[in-house]
């Protein structure tokens, strides 16, 4: 356990602010005060992801502090002090605890939910953040800060195998070789399936680590898969993914799009395609994979920026082929 002093009353912090397409660093944002059942967490590392850029383009009509991937230290948990000093990651959906989904233990689909850095709740591109203790997961000693930063997107990748069974005999394609696509590919490779990662940026470390993923920028005419996972976040990627699914195959959508996307639904009906939306996933399982070294994440970090240079970090993360950009308060 690490001792960590909580900020004094009326203290201020640095925080990135998104508002109607604009982004800036506020050096004097009030430090949040934990509510009932909440903890105040010092952000150690925060990751920039494609959803953050979608928010800046208008997705979810978000205004406030963005960011939802993080590892931090609990400074204060008035209702559950046993958490104080612990290194943690946190699930991003905050439920109301009263609606039918919450009462059915389906907090992720709470009718009144807040989502950290995405919907009605400030995020982690700041020195401090608050989260309900029920959302927290302690990070094992054997998982470093840089690895722990990937728990949230790795959990999202694991949600695929929660939702649909992947057989070792399945032919599977992942469209998009960005950060999420690379995590999804590693998770699916654990099933023993025949796996192809489709993208534009070869990652030599995949082969070097023997992860069991075939990389391709194009496929033979008529090549089809039993399961296709769309991780590109582009309309072109969605079109490609649909074209790769065999009749009665499955298409998993992992990307969020800021704008409406036109699709030809007639062919989806005729080919009887099973479509699955896929979002957040199981944090404990993600932590176990990292602790056991079954998923490689260090090569996914492109650069680490100080929070003071958050605008530079956001600019860098928009560059083609850039891997995970990290903010270090």
Protein backbone atom coordinates (compact mmCIF):
# COMPACT_ATOMS: atom_id res chain seq x y z
CA UNK A 1 0.00 0.00 0.00
CA UNK A 2 1.28 3.46 -0.95
CA UNK A 3 0.65 6.51 1.23
CA UNK A 4 -0.85 9.36 -0.77
CA UNK A 5 -1.97 12.71 0.60
CA UNK A 6 -5.38 13.92 -0.52
CA UNK A 7 -5.55 17.50 -1.83
CA UNK A 8 -6.55 20.28 0.53
CA UNK A 9 -10.08 21.75 0.35
CA UNK A 10 -10.64 24.11 -2.60
CA UNK A 11 -7.48 22.79 -4.33
CA UNK A 12 -7.23 23.05 -8.12
CA UNK A 13 -5.80 20.74 -10.76
CA UNK A 14 -4.91 20.61 -14.42
CA UNK A 15 -7.55 19.16 -16.74
CA UNK A 16 -8.18 18.85 -20.48
CA UNK A 17 -11.54 20.33 -21.49
CA UNK A 18 -13.62 19.42 -24.56
CA UNK A 19 -16.48 21.72 -25.53
CA UNK A 20 -18.26 21.84 -28.90
CA UNK A 21 -15.26 20.84 -31.00
CA UNK A 22 -12.71 22.83 -29.00
CA UNK A 23 -10.05 21.44 -26.66
CA UNK A 24 -7.79 23.20 -24.18
CA UNK A 25 -5.88 22.65 -20.93
CA UNK A 26 -7.42 24.30 -17.88
CA UNK A 27 -4.68 24.79 -15.23
CA UNK A 28 -7.10 25.68 -12.43
CA UNK A 29 -9.99 23.23 -12.51
CA UNK A 30 -11.40 22.48 -9.02
CA UNK A 31 -10.36 19.06 -7.71
CA UNK A 32 -13.52 16.88 -7.62
CA UNK A 33 -14.97 15.91 -4.26
CA UNK A 34 -15.96 12.25 -3.85
CA UNK A 35 -19.64 11.66 -3.27
CA UNK A 36 -21.21 8.84 -1.22
CA UNK A 37 -19.51 5.54 -1.99
CA UNK A 38 -16.87 7.22 -4.17
CA UNK A 39 -13.08 7.43 -4.12
CA UNK A 40 -10.77 10.27 -5.09
CA UNK A 41 -8.04 8.91 -7.36
CA UNK A 42 -4.72 10.44 -8.39
CA UNK A 43 -4.30 9.69 -12.10
CA UNK A 44 -0.91 8.07 -12.78
CA UNK A 45 -1.32 7.37 -16.51
CA UNK A 46 -4.18 8.02 -18.94
CA UNK A 47 -4.55 6.70 -22.47
CA UNK A 48 -5.89 8.51 -25.53
CA UNK A 49 -8.21 6.41 -27.70
CA UNK A 50 -10.28 6.81 -30.85
CA UNK A 51 -13.44 7.50 -28.82
CA UNK A 52 -11.82 10.66 -27.44
CA UNK A 53 -11.40 12.00 -30.96
CA UNK A 54 -14.96 11.00 -31.81
CA UNK A 55 -16.11 13.07 -28.81
CA UNK A 56 -14.23 16.07 -30.14
CA UNK A 57 -16.07 15.60 -33.45
CA UNK A 58 -19.43 15.61 -31.70
CA UNK A 59 -20.03 12.00 -30.63
CA UNK A 60 -22.34 11.76 -27.56
CA UNK A 61 -22.58 15.57 -27.43
CA UNK A 62 -19.94 15.51 -24.68
CA UNK A 63 -18.69 18.59 -22.85
CA UNK A 64 -16.24 18.34 -19.94
CA UNK A 65 -13.07 16.39 -19.12
CA UNK A 66 -12.54 13.47 -21.55
CA UNK A 67 -10.58 10.26 -21.07
CA UNK A 68 -11.59 6.85 -19.72
CA UNK A 69 -8.47 4.63 -19.82
CA UNK A 70 -6.34 5.06 -16.71
CA UNK A 71 -4.38 3.64 -13.81
CA UNK A 72 -4.24 5.59 -10.57
CA UNK A 73 -3.79 5.67 -6.80
CA UNK A 74 -6.66 6.05 -4.36
CA UNK A 75 -6.05 9.06 -2.13
CA UNK A 76 -9.37 9.10 -0.31
CA UNK A 77 -12.37 6.78 0.04
CA UNK A 78 -14.36 8.15 2.99
CA UNK A 79 -16.93 5.33 3.03
CA UNK A 80 -14.45 2.50 2.36
CA UNK A 81 -11.01 3.58 3.65
CA UNK A 82 -9.54 0.13 2.98
CA UNK A 83 -9.15 1.26 -0.65
CA UNK A 84 -6.90 4.20 0.28
CA UNK A 85 -3.38 3.84 -1.11
CA UNK A 86 -4.31 1.09 -3.54
CA UNK A 87 -3.30 1.15 -7.20
CA UNK A 88 -6.45 0.79 -9.27
CA UNK A 89 -8.13 0.75 -12.63
CA UNK A 90 -11.81 1.51 -13.01
CA UNK A 91 -14.85 0.40 -14.99
CA UNK A 92 -16.20 3.38 -16.87
CA UNK A 93 -19.98 2.98 -16.58
CA UNK A 94 -21.56 4.47 -13.46
CA UNK A 95 -25.05 3.12 -12.83
CA UNK A 96 -27.90 4.69 -10.88
CA UNK A 97 -28.51 1.51 -8.87
CA UNK A 98 -32.29 1.88 -9.17
CA UNK A 99 -33.38 1.04 -12.73
CA UNK A 100 -34.21 -2.46 -14.00
CA UNK A 101 -30.81 -3.12 -15.67
CA UNK A 102 -28.97 -2.06 -12.49
CA UNK A 103 -31.19 -4.25 -10.34
CA UNK A 104 -30.45 -7.12 -12.76
CA UNK A 105 -26.70 -6.57 -12.31
CA UNK A 106 -26.38 -5.06 -15.79
CA UNK A 107 -24.89 -1.70 -14.81
CA UNK A 108 -23.41 -1.25 -18.28
CA UNK A 109 -26.90 -0.67 -19.67
CA UNK A 110 -28.24 1.47 -16.84
CA UNK A 111 -31.04 3.68 -18.16
CA UNK A 112 -29.57 6.70 -16.35
CA UNK A 113 -25.90 5.83 -16.67
CA UNK A 114 -22.93 8.11 -16.63
CA UNK A 115 -19.82 7.05 -18.54
CA UNK A 116 -16.42 8.32 -17.47
CA UNK A 117 -15.17 10.92 -19.90
CA UNK A 118 -17.98 10.14 -22.37
CA UNK A 119 -21.45 10.75 -20.92
CA UNK A 120 -22.49 12.99 -18.03
CA UNK A 121 -19.27 12.38 -16.10
CA UNK A 122 -15.80 13.94 -16.17
CA UNK A 123 -12.92 11.74 -17.24
CA UNK A 124 -9.27 11.08 -16.51
CA UNK A 125 -7.37 13.62 -18.62
CA UNK A 126 -6.66 15.42 -15.36
CA UNK A 127 -4.64 15.16 -12.16
CA UNK A 128 -7.58 13.74 -10.19
CA UNK A 129 -10.81 11.84 -10.87
CA UNK A 130 -13.61 10.41 -8.73
CA UNK A 131 -15.25 7.00 -9.22
CA UNK A 132 -17.59 4.82 -7.18
CA UNK A 133 -15.61 2.22 -5.23
CA UNK A 134 -17.81 -0.47 -6.82
CA UNK A 135 -16.18 0.40 -10.17
CA UNK A 136 -12.61 -0.09 -8.92
CA UNK A 137 -10.29 -3.05 -9.37
CA UNK A 138 -6.98 -3.36 -7.55
CA UNK A 139 -3.99 -3.87 -9.85
CA UNK A 140 -1.83 -6.91 -8.97
CA UNK A 141 1.77 -6.16 -8.00
CA UNK A 142 3.01 -8.07 -11.03
CA UNK A 143 1.24 -5.75 -13.49
CA UNK A 144 3.09 -2.49 -14.13
CA UNK A 145 1.44 0.89 -14.65
CA UNK A 146 1.95 0.83 -18.42
CA UNK A 147 0.35 -2.60 -18.71
CA UNK A 148 -2.51 -1.67 -16.35
CA UNK A 149 -3.35 1.26 -18.62
CA UNK A 150 -4.65 -1.29 -21.16
CA UNK A 151 -7.12 -3.02 -18.84
CA UNK A 152 -10.17 -1.12 -20.12
CA UNK A 153 -9.58 -1.73 -23.86
CA UNK A 154 -8.40 -5.30 -23.20
CA UNK A 155 -11.62 -5.95 -21.28
CA UNK A 156 -13.52 -4.56 -24.27
CA UNK A 157 -11.67 -7.05 -26.50
CA UNK A 158 -12.58 -9.89 -24.13
CA UNK A 159 -16.25 -8.97 -24.37
CA UNK A 160 -16.27 -10.53 -27.85
CA UNK A 161 -15.66 -14.03 -26.48
CA UNK A 162 -18.23 -13.33 -23.76
CA UNK A 163 -20.84 -12.61 -26.44
CA UNK A 164 -20.13 -15.25 -29.07
CA UNK A 165 -18.36 -18.61 -29.05
CA UNK A 166 -15.18 -18.70 -31.14
CA UNK A 167 -14.30 -22.23 -32.22
CA UNK A 168 -10.73 -23.30 -32.90
CA UNK A 169 -11.92 -24.28 -36.40
CA UNK A 170 -13.40 -20.84 -37.15
CA UNK A 171 -11.91 -18.58 -39.78
CA UNK A 172 -11.77 -15.13 -38.18
CA UNK A 173 -10.81 -11.67 -39.46
CA UNK A 174 -10.12 -8.48 -37.50
CA UNK A 175 -10.44 -5.33 -39.61
CA UNK A 176 -8.25 -2.49 -38.35
CA UNK A 177 -4.73 -2.80 -36.90
CA UNK A 178 -4.85 0.08 -34.46
CA UNK A 179 -4.61 -0.29 -30.69
CA UNK A 180 -7.98 -1.97 -30.20
CA UNK A 181 -7.58 -4.22 -33.25
CA UNK A 182 -4.24 -5.47 -31.96
CA UNK A 183 -5.73 -6.28 -28.56
CA UNK A 184 -8.74 -8.01 -30.15
CA UNK A 185 -6.43 -10.05 -32.37
CA UNK A 186 -4.38 -11.23 -29.38
CA UNK A 187 -7.50 -12.23 -27.44
CA UNK A 188 -8.95 -14.15 -30.40
CA UNK A 189 -5.61 -15.82 -31.08
CA UNK A 190 -5.90 -17.51 -27.67
CA UNK A 191 -8.86 -19.52 -29.02
CA UNK A 192 -6.69 -21.25 -31.64
CA UNK A 193 -8.83 -20.00 -34.51
CA UNK A 194 -7.50 -19.30 -38.01
CA UNK A 195 -6.95 -15.57 -37.53
CA UNK A 196 -6.15 -12.77 -39.99
CA UNK A 197 -5.52 -9.15 -39.00
CA UNK A 198 -6.31 -6.77 -41.86
CA UNK A 199 -4.63 -3.38 -41.83
CA UNK A 200 -2.05 -1.09 -43.36
CA UNK A 201 0.72 -1.10 -40.75
CA UNK A 202 2.68 -4.36 -40.33
CA UNK A 203 3.62 -5.02 -36.71
CA UNK A 204 6.77 -7.23 -36.74
CA UNK A 205 6.49 -7.88 -33.00
CA UNK A 206 3.34 -9.95 -33.58
CA UNK A 207 5.35 -12.56 -35.47
CA UNK A 208 8.36 -12.17 -33.19
CA UNK A 209 6.23 -12.98 -30.13
CA UNK A 210 4.60 -15.97 -31.85
CA UNK A 211 1.11 -14.62 -31.22
CA UNK A 212 -0.46 -16.61 -34.04
CA UNK A 213 -1.89 -13.82 -36.19
CA UNK A 214 -1.55 -13.63 -39.95
CA UNK A 215 -1.29 -10.03 -41.13
CA UNK A 216 -2.67 -8.92 -44.49
CA UNK A 217 -3.40 -5.68 -46.31
CA UNK A 218 -5.55 -7.46 -48.90
CA UNK A 219 -7.15 -10.88 -49.26
CA UNK A 220 -7.81 -13.22 -52.14
CA UNK A 221 -10.99 -12.68 -54.15
CA UNK A 222 -13.84 -14.60 -52.61
CA UNK A 223 -12.13 -15.05 -49.20
CA UNK A 224 -14.78 -15.18 -46.46
CA UNK A 225 -14.75 -15.60 -42.68
CA UNK A 226 -17.07 -17.15 -40.12
CA UNK A 227 -16.52 -14.20 -37.80
CA UNK A 228 -15.37 -10.66 -38.61
CA UNK A 229 -14.61 -7.99 -36.00
CA UNK A 230 -14.67 -4.38 -37.18
CA UNK A 231 -12.16 -2.23 -35.27
CA UNK A 232 -11.17 0.36 -37.85
CA UNK A 233 -13.66 3.05 -36.87
CA UNK A 234 -14.08 4.10 -40.51
CA UNK A 235 -16.96 3.68 -42.99
CA UNK A 236 -14.52 2.00 -45.38
CA UNK A 237 -13.56 -0.49 -42.69
CA UNK A 238 -17.19 -1.30 -42.02
CA UNK A 239 -17.83 -1.89 -45.73
CA UNK A 240 -14.78 -4.15 -45.94
CA UNK A 241 -15.79 -6.06 -42.81
CA UNK A 242 -19.30 -6.70 -44.14
CA UNK A 243 -17.90 -7.96 -47.43
CA UNK A 244 -15.73 -10.51 -45.63
CA UNK A 245 -18.54 -12.21 -43.69
CA UNK A 246 -19.82 -15.44 -45.18
CA UNK A 247 -23.56 -16.07 -45.42
CA UNK A 248 -24.92 -16.77 -41.91
CA UNK A 249 -21.64 -15.55 -40.47
CA UNK A 250 -21.15 -13.13 -37.59
CA UNK A 251 -20.09 -9.49 -37.64
CA UNK A 252 -18.97 -7.85 -34.38
CA UNK A 253 -18.91 -4.03 -34.28
CA UNK A 254 -16.36 -2.61 -31.83
CA UNK A 255 -16.07 0.91 -33.27
CA UNK A 256 -18.05 4.00 -32.32
CA UNK A 257 -18.71 6.45 -35.15
CA UNK A 258 -19.30 10.17 -34.61
CA UNK A 259 -21.44 10.46 -37.75
CA UNK A 260 -24.17 8.35 -39.32
CA UNK A 261 -22.89 5.56 -41.58
CA UNK A 262 -24.80 4.40 -44.65
CA UNK A 263 -25.11 0.63 -45.08
CA UNK A 264 -26.96 -1.65 -47.51
CA UNK A 265 -29.09 -3.59 -45.05
CA UNK A 266 -30.76 -5.66 -47.78
CA UNK A 267 -27.66 -7.78 -48.28
CA UNK A 268 -27.32 -8.25 -44.53
CA UNK A 269 -30.86 -9.65 -44.44
CA UNK A 270 -30.46 -11.84 -47.53
CA UNK A 271 -27.20 -13.33 -46.20
CA UNK A 272 -28.70 -13.70 -42.70
CA UNK A 273 -25.75 -11.98 -41.04
CA UNK A 274 -25.66 -12.01 -37.24
CA UNK A 275 -24.62 -8.53 -36.05
CA UNK A 276 -23.32 -7.91 -32.53
CA UNK A 277 -22.61 -4.54 -30.99
CA UNK A 278 -19.80 -4.92 -28.47
CA UNK A 279 -18.68 -2.45 -25.84
CA UNK A 280 -17.19 -2.81 -22.34
CA UNK A 281 -15.99 -6.10 -20.88
CA UNK A 282 -14.69 -8.00 -17.82
CA UNK A 283 -11.89 -6.22 -15.92
CA UNK A 284 -10.88 -9.17 -13.69
CA UNK A 285 -10.24 -11.36 -16.74
CA UNK A 286 -8.19 -8.61 -18.39
CA UNK A 287 -6.05 -8.24 -15.27
CA UNK A 288 -5.48 -12.01 -15.18
CA UNK A 289 -4.30 -12.07 -18.81
CA UNK A 290 -1.86 -9.24 -18.12
CA UNK A 291 -0.61 -10.81 -14.89
CA UNK A 292 0.04 -14.11 -16.69
CA UNK A 293 1.72 -12.43 -19.65
CA UNK A 294 -0.74 -13.89 -22.15
CA UNK A 295 -1.30 -10.56 -23.90
CA UNK A 296 1.49 -8.22 -25.01
CA UNK A 297 0.80 -4.50 -24.53
CA UNK A 298 4.11 -2.64 -24.13
CA UNK A 299 4.70 -2.45 -27.94
CA UNK A 300 1.32 -0.70 -28.24
CA UNK A 301 2.61 2.47 -26.55
CA UNK A 302 3.65 5.04 -29.13
CA UNK A 303 4.69 7.94 -26.88
CA UNK A 304 4.19 9.37 -23.39
CA UNK A 305 3.36 13.07 -22.98
CA UNK A 306 3.16 15.27 -19.92
CA UNK A 307 -0.35 16.45 -19.11
CA UNK A 308 0.99 19.96 -19.69
CA UNK A 309 1.47 18.98 -23.35
CA UNK A 310 -1.96 17.39 -23.71
CA UNK A 311 -2.71 19.32 -26.89
CA UNK A 312 0.45 17.95 -28.47
CA UNK A 313 -0.57 14.46 -27.37
CA UNK A 314 -3.99 14.81 -29.01
CA UNK A 315 -2.37 16.04 -32.22
CA UNK A 316 0.11 13.18 -32.25
CA UNK A 317 -2.61 10.58 -31.62
CA UNK A 318 -4.42 11.69 -34.79
CA UNK A 319 -1.48 10.81 -37.01
CA UNK A 320 -1.93 7.76 -39.24
CA UNK A 321 -0.39 4.62 -37.82
CA UNK A 322 0.23 6.10 -34.37
CA UNK A 323 -0.10 3.64 -31.51
CA UNK A 324 -1.25 4.41 -27.96
CA UNK A 325 -0.52 7.96 -26.83
CA UNK A 326 -0.27 8.25 -23.06
CA UNK A 327 -0.73 11.25 -20.75
CA UNK A 328 1.31 11.28 -17.54
CA UNK A 329 0.02 13.80 -15.00
